[in-house]
Amino acid sequence: MPTPILGDHLEGGSDDGTSVAALLERKAGGPLRAGEEVKIVVRMTGAGDLQVSATRPDGSPAAIDWGPEAHASSNFNRPGAEWGFGVTFAEPGCWTIALSRAEAGSGYLQLEVA
């Protein structure tokens, strides 16, 4: 089930209690659209570097455009360390972004793309 997007903010999910929050930075408002590149800023608790992978609506893997890049400072006030990465949603449907910290913590974002 897709994660509700409140403005450009969304709370991610986790099976291990990790806190996951994201901010979407994009040119257009409204729903996410196929072909649109989106910068996703994520704050996540846990330990270690962040690893990011994307899964298309059909379950096949998709490439991340760039990142993740650690952010040293921010005004995105959520728990955990912060990174940014870019992804282009090539097709409509429900996309999953898997997030895992190298030492401890994992979570995900599920995004509906029109």
N, C-alpha and C. Protein backbone atom coordinates (compact mmCIF):
# COMPACT_ATOMS: atom_id res chain seq x y z
N MET A 1 0.85 -1.18 0.00
CA MET A 1 0.00 0.00 0.00
C MET A 1 0.89 1.24 0.00
N PRO A 2 0.65 2.21 -0.87
CA PRO A 2 1.49 3.40 -0.96
C PRO A 2 1.46 4.22 0.33
N THR A 3 2.58 4.88 0.59
CA THR A 3 2.72 5.77 1.73
C THR A 3 2.00 7.08 1.43
N PRO A 4 1.11 7.56 2.31
CA PRO A 4 0.46 8.84 2.05
C PRO A 4 1.48 9.97 2.03
N ILE A 5 1.38 10.85 1.03
CA ILE A 5 2.26 12.01 0.92
C ILE A 5 1.47 13.22 1.41
N LEU A 6 1.99 13.88 2.44
CA LEU A 6 1.35 15.05 3.02
C LEU A 6 2.14 16.27 2.58
N GLY A 7 1.65 16.98 1.57
CA GLY A 7 2.44 18.04 0.95
C GLY A 7 3.58 17.36 0.20
N ASP A 8 4.80 17.60 0.64
CA ASP A 8 5.96 16.90 0.09
C ASP A 8 6.64 16.02 1.13
N HIS A 9 6.00 15.82 2.27
CA HIS A 9 6.56 15.00 3.35
C HIS A 9 5.85 13.64 3.41
N LEU A 10 6.60 12.62 3.79
CA LEU A 10 5.98 11.33 4.02
C LEU A 10 6.75 10.56 5.07
N GLU A 11 6.04 9.72 5.77
CA GLU A 11 6.64 8.83 6.76
C GLU A 11 6.80 7.46 6.10
N GLY A 12 7.97 6.89 6.24
CA GLY A 12 8.23 5.58 5.69
C GLY A 12 7.84 4.49 6.67
N GLY A 13 7.98 3.25 6.23
CA GLY A 13 7.69 2.11 7.06
C GLY A 13 8.96 1.38 7.46
N SER A 14 8.83 0.52 8.45
CA SER A 14 9.95 -0.28 8.91
C SER A 14 9.41 -1.50 9.65
N ASP A 15 10.10 -2.62 9.48
CA ASP A 15 9.73 -3.82 10.21
C ASP A 15 10.54 -3.99 11.49
N ASP A 16 11.55 -3.12 11.72
CA ASP A 16 12.41 -3.27 12.89
C ASP A 16 12.41 -2.06 13.82
N GLY A 17 11.44 -1.15 13.64
CA GLY A 17 11.33 0.01 14.53
C GLY A 17 12.16 1.20 14.11
N THR A 18 12.83 1.14 12.98
CA THR A 18 13.63 2.26 12.50
C THR A 18 12.69 3.40 12.09
N SER A 19 13.05 4.62 12.48
CA SER A 19 12.28 5.80 12.08
C SER A 19 12.73 6.22 10.69
N VAL A 20 11.78 6.39 9.76
CA VAL A 20 12.05 6.79 8.38
C VAL A 20 11.11 7.93 8.01
N ALA A 21 11.69 9.06 7.61
CA ALA A 21 10.89 10.19 7.13
C ALA A 21 11.54 10.71 5.86
N ALA A 22 10.74 11.20 4.93
CA ALA A 22 11.27 11.67 3.66
C ALA A 22 10.63 12.98 3.24
N LEU A 23 11.38 13.72 2.46
CA LEU A 23 10.94 14.98 1.86
C LEU A 23 11.18 14.85 0.36
N LEU A 24 10.16 15.11 -0.44
CA LEU A 24 10.28 15.03 -1.89
C LEU A 24 10.55 16.43 -2.44
N GLU A 25 11.60 16.55 -3.24
CA GLU A 25 11.92 17.82 -3.89
C GLU A 25 11.76 17.61 -5.39
N ARG A 26 10.83 18.36 -5.99
CA ARG A 26 10.56 18.20 -7.41
C ARG A 26 10.00 19.50 -7.97
N LYS A 27 9.98 19.58 -9.29
CA LYS A 27 9.54 20.81 -9.97
C LYS A 27 8.03 20.97 -9.93
N ALA A 28 7.30 19.90 -10.14
CA ALA A 28 5.84 19.98 -10.24
C ALA A 28 5.17 19.57 -8.94
N GLY A 29 4.03 20.14 -8.66
CA GLY A 29 3.23 19.72 -7.53
C GLY A 29 2.29 18.59 -7.94
N GLY A 30 1.39 18.24 -7.06
CA GLY A 30 0.41 17.19 -7.36
C GLY A 30 1.02 15.81 -7.24
N PRO A 31 0.36 14.83 -7.86
CA PRO A 31 0.85 13.44 -7.72
C PRO A 31 2.19 13.25 -8.44
N LEU A 32 2.93 12.25 -7.99
CA LEU A 32 4.16 11.87 -8.70
C LEU A 32 3.79 11.38 -10.09
N ARG A 33 4.58 11.70 -11.08
CA ARG A 33 4.27 11.34 -12.46
C ARG A 33 5.39 10.51 -13.07
N ALA A 34 5.02 9.53 -13.90
CA ALA A 34 6.00 8.73 -14.63
C ALA A 34 6.88 9.65 -15.46
N GLY A 35 8.19 9.37 -15.47
CA GLY A 35 9.16 10.18 -16.20
C GLY A 35 9.72 11.34 -15.41
N GLU A 36 9.19 11.57 -14.21
CA GLU A 36 9.61 12.70 -13.38
C GLU A 36 10.79 12.28 -12.50
N GLU A 37 11.88 13.07 -12.54
CA GLU A 37 12.98 12.82 -11.61
C GLU A 37 12.65 13.54 -10.30
N VAL A 38 12.86 12.84 -9.20
CA VAL A 38 12.57 13.38 -7.89
C VAL A 38 13.80 13.24 -7.01
N LYS A 39 14.14 14.32 -6.31
CA LYS A 39 15.16 14.23 -5.27
C LYS A 39 14.43 13.86 -3.99
N ILE A 40 14.89 12.81 -3.34
CA ILE A 40 14.29 12.38 -2.08
C ILE A 40 15.33 12.61 -0.98
N VAL A 41 14.94 13.39 0.00
CA VAL A 41 15.77 13.60 1.19
C VAL A 41 15.17 12.71 2.27
N VAL A 42 15.99 11.84 2.82
CA VAL A 42 15.49 10.91 3.83
C VAL A 42 16.29 11.07 5.12
N ARG A 43 15.56 11.05 6.23
CA ARG A 43 16.18 11.00 7.56
C ARG A 43 15.78 9.67 8.16
N MET A 44 16.79 9.01 8.73
CA MET A 44 16.56 7.64 9.19
C MET A 44 17.45 7.35 10.39
N THR A 45 16.86 6.72 11.40
CA THR A 45 17.64 6.29 12.56
C THR A 45 18.39 5.02 12.21
N GLY A 46 19.25 4.56 13.11
CA GLY A 46 20.06 3.37 12.87
C GLY A 46 21.53 3.75 12.91
N ALA A 47 22.38 2.94 12.29
CA ALA A 47 23.82 3.19 12.31
C ALA A 47 24.45 2.76 10.99
N GLY A 48 25.44 3.53 10.55
CA GLY A 48 26.16 3.20 9.34
C GLY A 48 25.65 3.96 8.13
N ASP A 49 26.35 3.78 7.03
CA ASP A 49 25.99 4.42 5.77
C ASP A 49 24.64 3.91 5.26
N LEU A 50 24.03 4.69 4.38
CA LEU A 50 22.74 4.32 3.81
C LEU A 50 22.92 3.64 2.46
N GLN A 51 22.16 2.59 2.25
CA GLN A 51 22.07 1.92 0.95
C GLN A 51 20.63 2.05 0.48
N VAL A 52 20.47 2.34 -0.82
CA VAL A 52 19.14 2.59 -1.39
C VAL A 52 18.95 1.72 -2.62
N SER A 53 17.79 1.11 -2.73
CA SER A 53 17.43 0.39 -3.96
C SER A 53 15.98 0.68 -4.28
N ALA A 54 15.66 0.63 -5.57
CA ALA A 54 14.30 0.90 -6.04
C ALA A 54 13.74 -0.33 -6.74
N THR A 55 12.43 -0.55 -6.57
CA THR A 55 11.74 -1.65 -7.22
C THR A 55 10.55 -1.09 -7.98
N ARG A 56 10.45 -1.47 -9.26
CA ARG A 56 9.35 -1.05 -10.13
C ARG A 56 8.04 -1.73 -9.70
N PRO A 57 6.92 -1.25 -10.21
CA PRO A 57 5.63 -1.86 -9.89
C PRO A 57 5.55 -3.35 -10.23
N ASP A 58 6.28 -3.81 -11.26
CA ASP A 58 6.24 -5.23 -11.62
C ASP A 58 7.20 -6.09 -10.80
N GLY A 59 7.91 -5.49 -9.83
CA GLY A 59 8.83 -6.22 -8.96
C GLY A 59 10.26 -6.26 -9.46
N SER A 60 10.53 -5.71 -10.63
CA SER A 60 11.90 -5.71 -11.14
C SER A 60 12.69 -4.54 -10.55
N PRO A 61 14.02 -4.69 -10.45
CA PRO A 61 14.83 -3.61 -9.89
C PRO A 61 14.94 -2.43 -10.85
N ALA A 62 15.11 -1.25 -10.28
CA ALA A 62 15.31 -0.02 -11.05
C ALA A 62 16.53 0.70 -10.49
N ALA A 63 17.22 1.42 -11.33
CA ALA A 63 18.41 2.15 -10.90
C ALA A 63 18.03 3.44 -10.18
N ILE A 64 18.86 3.80 -9.22
CA ILE A 64 18.79 5.12 -8.60
C ILE A 64 19.63 6.04 -9.49
N ASP A 65 19.16 7.25 -9.76
CA ASP A 65 19.88 8.17 -10.65
C ASP A 65 21.20 8.63 -10.05
N TRP A 66 21.21 8.94 -8.76
CA TRP A 66 22.43 9.37 -8.07
C TRP A 66 22.24 9.21 -6.56
N GLY A 67 23.36 9.20 -5.84
CA GLY A 67 23.33 9.12 -4.38
C GLY A 67 23.32 7.69 -3.89
N PRO A 68 23.14 7.53 -2.61
CA PRO A 68 22.81 8.56 -1.62
C PRO A 68 24.04 9.39 -1.23
N GLU A 69 23.78 10.67 -0.97
CA GLU A 69 24.79 11.60 -0.52
C GLU A 69 24.42 12.07 0.88
N ALA A 70 25.37 11.93 1.82
CA ALA A 70 25.13 12.37 3.20
C ALA A 70 25.00 13.89 3.25
N HIS A 71 24.08 14.37 4.08
CA HIS A 71 23.90 15.80 4.31
C HIS A 71 24.46 16.14 5.69
N ALA A 72 25.31 17.15 5.75
CA ALA A 72 25.93 17.54 7.03
C ALA A 72 24.99 18.39 7.88
N SER A 73 24.14 19.19 7.25
CA SER A 73 23.21 20.03 8.01
C SER A 73 21.91 20.16 7.23
N SER A 74 20.84 20.50 7.96
CA SER A 74 19.53 20.57 7.33
C SER A 74 18.53 21.24 8.25
N ASN A 75 17.41 21.68 7.67
CA ASN A 75 16.29 22.16 8.49
C ASN A 75 15.13 21.16 8.45
N PHE A 76 15.37 19.96 7.91
CA PHE A 76 14.37 18.88 7.89
C PHE A 76 14.44 18.20 9.25
N ASN A 77 13.53 18.58 10.13
CA ASN A 77 13.62 18.23 11.54
C ASN A 77 12.93 16.89 11.84
N ARG A 78 13.65 15.80 11.60
CA ARG A 78 13.17 14.45 11.90
C ARG A 78 14.33 13.68 12.53
N PRO A 79 14.06 12.57 13.23
CA PRO A 79 15.14 11.81 13.86
C PRO A 79 16.07 11.15 12.85
N GLY A 80 17.33 10.98 13.25
CA GLY A 80 18.29 10.22 12.45
C GLY A 80 19.19 11.08 11.59
N ALA A 81 20.04 10.39 10.84
CA ALA A 81 20.96 11.04 9.90
C ALA A 81 20.23 11.27 8.58
N GLU A 82 20.79 12.17 7.76
CA GLU A 82 20.11 12.58 6.54
C GLU A 82 20.95 12.35 5.29
N TRP A 83 20.29 11.91 4.23
CA TRP A 83 20.89 11.72 2.91
C TRP A 83 19.93 12.22 1.85
N GLY A 84 20.48 12.47 0.66
CA GLY A 84 19.68 12.78 -0.50
C GLY A 84 20.04 11.83 -1.64
N PHE A 85 19.05 11.50 -2.46
CA PHE A 85 19.29 10.68 -3.65
C PHE A 85 18.22 11.02 -4.68
N GLY A 86 18.51 10.68 -5.94
CA GLY A 86 17.58 10.97 -7.01
C GLY A 86 17.10 9.70 -7.68
N VAL A 87 15.83 9.72 -8.07
CA VAL A 87 15.25 8.58 -8.78
C VAL A 87 14.24 9.11 -9.80
N THR A 88 14.24 8.48 -10.98
CA THR A 88 13.24 8.79 -11.99
C THR A 88 12.27 7.62 -12.06
N PHE A 89 11.01 7.91 -11.86
CA PHE A 89 9.98 6.88 -11.90
C PHE A 89 9.57 6.68 -13.36
N ALA A 90 10.04 5.60 -13.98
CA ALA A 90 9.90 5.39 -15.42
C ALA A 90 8.48 5.00 -15.85
N GLU A 91 7.69 4.50 -14.92
CA GLU A 91 6.35 4.02 -15.29
C GLU A 91 5.39 4.22 -14.13
N PRO A 92 4.09 4.28 -14.40
CA PRO A 92 3.12 4.43 -13.32
C PRO A 92 2.96 3.15 -12.51
N GLY A 93 2.45 3.32 -11.30
CA GLY A 93 2.21 2.20 -10.40
C GLY A 93 2.85 2.45 -9.05
N CYS A 94 2.86 1.43 -8.20
CA CYS A 94 3.40 1.54 -6.85
C CYS A 94 4.87 1.12 -6.83
N TRP A 95 5.74 2.06 -6.56
CA TRP A 95 7.18 1.86 -6.48
C TRP A 95 7.59 1.69 -5.01
N THR A 96 8.59 0.85 -4.77
CA THR A 96 9.14 0.68 -3.43
C THR A 96 10.59 1.13 -3.43
N ILE A 97 10.93 1.97 -2.48
CA ILE A 97 12.31 2.39 -2.26
C ILE A 97 12.75 1.74 -0.96
N ALA A 98 13.70 0.80 -1.04
CA ALA A 98 14.22 0.11 0.15
C ALA A 98 15.42 0.89 0.67
N LEU A 99 15.46 1.08 1.98
CA LEU A 99 16.51 1.84 2.65
C LEU A 99 17.12 0.97 3.73
N SER A 100 18.44 0.86 3.75
CA SER A 100 19.07 0.09 4.83
C SER A 100 20.36 0.77 5.27
N ARG A 101 20.54 0.83 6.58
CA ARG A 101 21.77 1.35 7.15
C ARG A 101 22.76 0.19 7.25
N ALA A 102 24.03 0.44 7.03
CA ALA A 102 25.05 -0.61 6.95
C ALA A 102 25.18 -1.42 8.24
N GLU A 103 25.00 -0.78 9.40
CA GLU A 103 25.20 -1.49 10.66
C GLU A 103 23.89 -1.88 11.34
N ALA A 104 22.88 -1.03 11.28
CA ALA A 104 21.61 -1.34 11.93
C ALA A 104 20.53 -0.41 11.40
N GLY A 105 19.38 -0.97 11.07
CA GLY A 105 18.23 -0.19 10.66
C GLY A 105 17.87 -0.39 9.20
N SER A 106 16.59 -0.59 8.96
CA SER A 106 16.10 -0.70 7.59
C SER A 106 14.67 -0.19 7.53
N GLY A 107 14.28 0.24 6.35
CA GLY A 107 12.93 0.76 6.16
C GLY A 107 12.63 0.87 4.69
N TYR A 108 11.50 1.50 4.39
CA TYR A 108 11.08 1.60 3.00
C TYR A 108 10.10 2.74 2.81
N LEU A 109 10.00 3.17 1.56
CA LEU A 109 8.97 4.12 1.12
C LEU A 109 8.21 3.42 0.00
N GLN A 110 6.91 3.55 -0.01
CA GLN A 110 6.10 3.04 -1.11
C GLN A 110 5.35 4.23 -1.70
N LEU A 111 5.61 4.48 -3.00
CA LEU A 111 5.11 5.68 -3.64
C LEU A 111 4.25 5.34 -4.84
N GLU A 112 3.08 5.94 -4.90
CA GLU A 112 2.19 5.75 -6.04
C GLU A 112 2.53 6.79 -7.10
N VAL A 113 2.81 6.31 -8.33
CA VAL A 113 3.19 7.16 -9.44
C VAL A 113 2.09 7.10 -10.49
N ALA A 114 1.64 8.27 -10.92
CA ALA A 114 0.57 8.35 -11.92
C ALA A 114 1.14 8.30 -13.33
